[in-house]
Amino acid sequence: MIAIVLHWHRATSWKLGRSHGKQGRPYNRPWWVDEAHYALAYTYAKLIEIRPAAEASLTMIDQEVKSAL
């Protein structure tokens, strides 16, 4: 039973931290969240932006072609 509650607590902390990071909100965690999970999720959402490889490669090719002209 305790394991279920701890899992719920960590999952909720992760979801809240990730959503706050994605929204661009300042780091201000509620008192009840798991600090480590909230901080990791917030940092993950705030600092990492994953772009598709095809989009990234097209952007680089476009920049190279424009600079060559």
C-alpha atoms as a PDB file:
ATOM      1  CA  MET A   1       0.000   0.000   0.000  1.00  0.00           C
ATOM      2  CA  ILE A   2       2.802   2.410   0.866  1.00  0.00           C
ATOM      3  CA  ALA A   3       4.522   1.650  -2.436  1.00  0.00           C
ATOM      4  CA  ILE A   4       1.381   2.624  -4.342  1.00  0.00           C
ATOM      5  CA  VAL A   5       1.126   5.943  -2.501  1.00  0.00           C
ATOM      6  CA  LEU A   6       4.829   6.695  -3.066  1.00  0.00           C
ATOM      7  CA  HIS A   7       4.508   5.889  -6.769  1.00  0.00           C
ATOM      8  CA  TRP A   8       1.473   8.178  -7.074  1.00  0.00           C
ATOM      9  CA  HIS A   9       3.321  10.945  -5.213  1.00  0.00           C
ATOM     10  CA  ARG A  10       6.363  10.736  -7.494  1.00  0.00           C
ATOM     11  CA  ALA A  11       4.275  10.489 -10.670  1.00  0.00           C
ATOM     12  CA  THR A  12       2.179  13.494  -9.688  1.00  0.00           C
ATOM     13  CA  SER A  13       5.302  15.475  -8.806  1.00  0.00           C
ATOM     14  CA  TRP A  14       6.834  14.620 -12.197  1.00  0.00           C
ATOM     15  CA  LYS A  15       3.703  15.610 -14.130  1.00  0.00           C
ATOM     16  CA  LEU A  16       3.366  18.883 -12.255  1.00  0.00           C
ATOM     17  CA  GLY A  17       7.043  19.788 -12.676  1.00  0.00           C
ATOM     18  CA  ARG A  18       6.985  18.959 -16.363  1.00  0.00           C
ATOM     19  CA  SER A  19       3.843  20.985 -16.994  1.00  0.00           C
ATOM     20  CA  HIS A  20       5.238  23.998 -15.109  1.00  0.00           C
ATOM     21  CA  GLY A  21       8.460  23.805 -17.121  1.00  0.00           C
ATOM     22  CA  LYS A  22       6.612  23.562 -20.440  1.00  0.00           C
ATOM     23  CA  GLN A  23       4.451  26.560 -19.550  1.00  0.00           C
ATOM     24  CA  GLY A  24       7.533  28.624 -18.746  1.00  0.00           C
ATOM     25  CA  ARG A  25       6.485  29.226 -15.160  1.00  0.00           C
ATOM     26  CA  PRO A  26       9.155  30.103 -12.599  1.00  0.00           C
ATOM     27  CA  TYR A  27      10.475  27.332 -10.370  1.00  0.00           C
ATOM     28  CA  ASN A  28       8.091  27.407  -7.445  1.00  0.00           C
ATOM     29  CA  ARG A  29       7.165  23.945  -6.271  1.00  0.00           C
ATOM     30  CA  PRO A  30       4.270  23.232  -3.923  1.00  0.00           C
ATOM     31  CA  TRP A  31       5.260  22.032  -0.462  1.00  0.00           C
ATOM     32  CA  TRP A  32       3.747  18.581  -0.943  1.00  0.00           C
ATOM     33  CA  VAL A  33       5.613  17.433  -4.085  1.00  0.00           C
ATOM     34  CA  ASP A  34       8.665  15.184  -4.184  1.00  0.00           C
ATOM     35  CA  GLU A  35      11.427  17.766  -4.609  1.00  0.00           C
ATOM     36  CA  ALA A  36      13.792  15.567  -6.630  1.00  0.00           C
ATOM     37  CA  HIS A  37      11.183  14.418  -9.145  1.00  0.00           C
ATOM     38  CA  TYR A  38       9.707  17.892  -9.539  1.00  0.00           C
ATOM     39  CA  ALA A  39      13.150  19.449 -10.097  1.00  0.00           C
ATOM     40  CA  LEU A  40      14.189  16.824 -12.654  1.00  0.00           C
ATOM     41  CA  ALA A  41      10.936  17.099 -14.584  1.00  0.00           C
ATOM     42  CA  TYR A  42      11.023  20.899 -14.514  1.00  0.00           C
ATOM     43  CA  THR A  43      14.605  20.970 -15.782  1.00  0.00           C
ATOM     44  CA  TYR A  44      13.857  18.368 -18.427  1.00  0.00           C
ATOM     45  CA  ALA A  45      10.884  20.334 -19.773  1.00  0.00           C
ATOM     46  CA  LYS A  46      12.598  23.719 -19.517  1.00  0.00           C
ATOM     47  CA  LEU A  47      15.976  22.921 -21.058  1.00  0.00           C
ATOM     48  CA  ILE A  48      15.445  20.127 -23.554  1.00  0.00           C
ATOM     49  CA  GLU A  49      13.596  20.701 -26.789  1.00  0.00           C
ATOM     50  CA  ILE A  50      13.490  17.699 -29.066  1.00  0.00           C
ATOM     51  CA  ARG A  51      13.104  18.440 -32.753  1.00  0.00           C
ATOM     52  CA  PRO A  52      12.556  15.747 -35.368  1.00  0.00           C
ATOM     53  CA  ALA A  53      15.766  14.799 -37.185  1.00  0.00           C
ATOM     54  CA  ALA A  54      14.254  15.561 -40.586  1.00  0.00           C
ATOM     55  CA  GLU A  55      13.346  19.096 -39.516  1.00  0.00           C
ATOM     56  CA  ALA A  56      16.794  19.723 -38.067  1.00  0.00           C
ATOM     57  CA  SER A  57      18.585  18.475 -41.170  1.00  0.00           C
ATOM     58  CA  LEU A  58      16.404  20.564 -43.502  1.00  0.00           C
ATOM     59  CA  THR A  59      17.117  23.655 -41.453  1.00  0.00           C
ATOM     60  CA  MET A  60      20.853  23.067 -41.652  1.00  0.00           C
ATOM     61  CA  ILE A  61      20.713  22.459 -45.416  1.00  0.00           C
ATOM     62  CA  ASP A  62      18.651  25.623 -45.961  1.00  0.00           C
ATOM     63  CA  GLN A  63      21.164  27.665 -43.976  1.00  0.00           C
ATOM     64  CA  GLU A  64      24.096  26.230 -45.904  1.00  0.00           C
ATOM     65  CA  VAL A  65      22.447  26.925 -49.280  1.00  0.00           C
ATOM     66  CA  LYS A  66      21.560  30.500 -48.315  1.00  0.00           C
ATOM     67  CA  SER A  67      25.066  31.203 -47.057  1.00  0.00           C
ATOM     68  CA  ALA A  68      26.578  29.804 -50.275  1.00  0.00           C
ATOM     69  CA  LEU A  69      24.491  32.174 -52.399  1.00  0.00           C
END
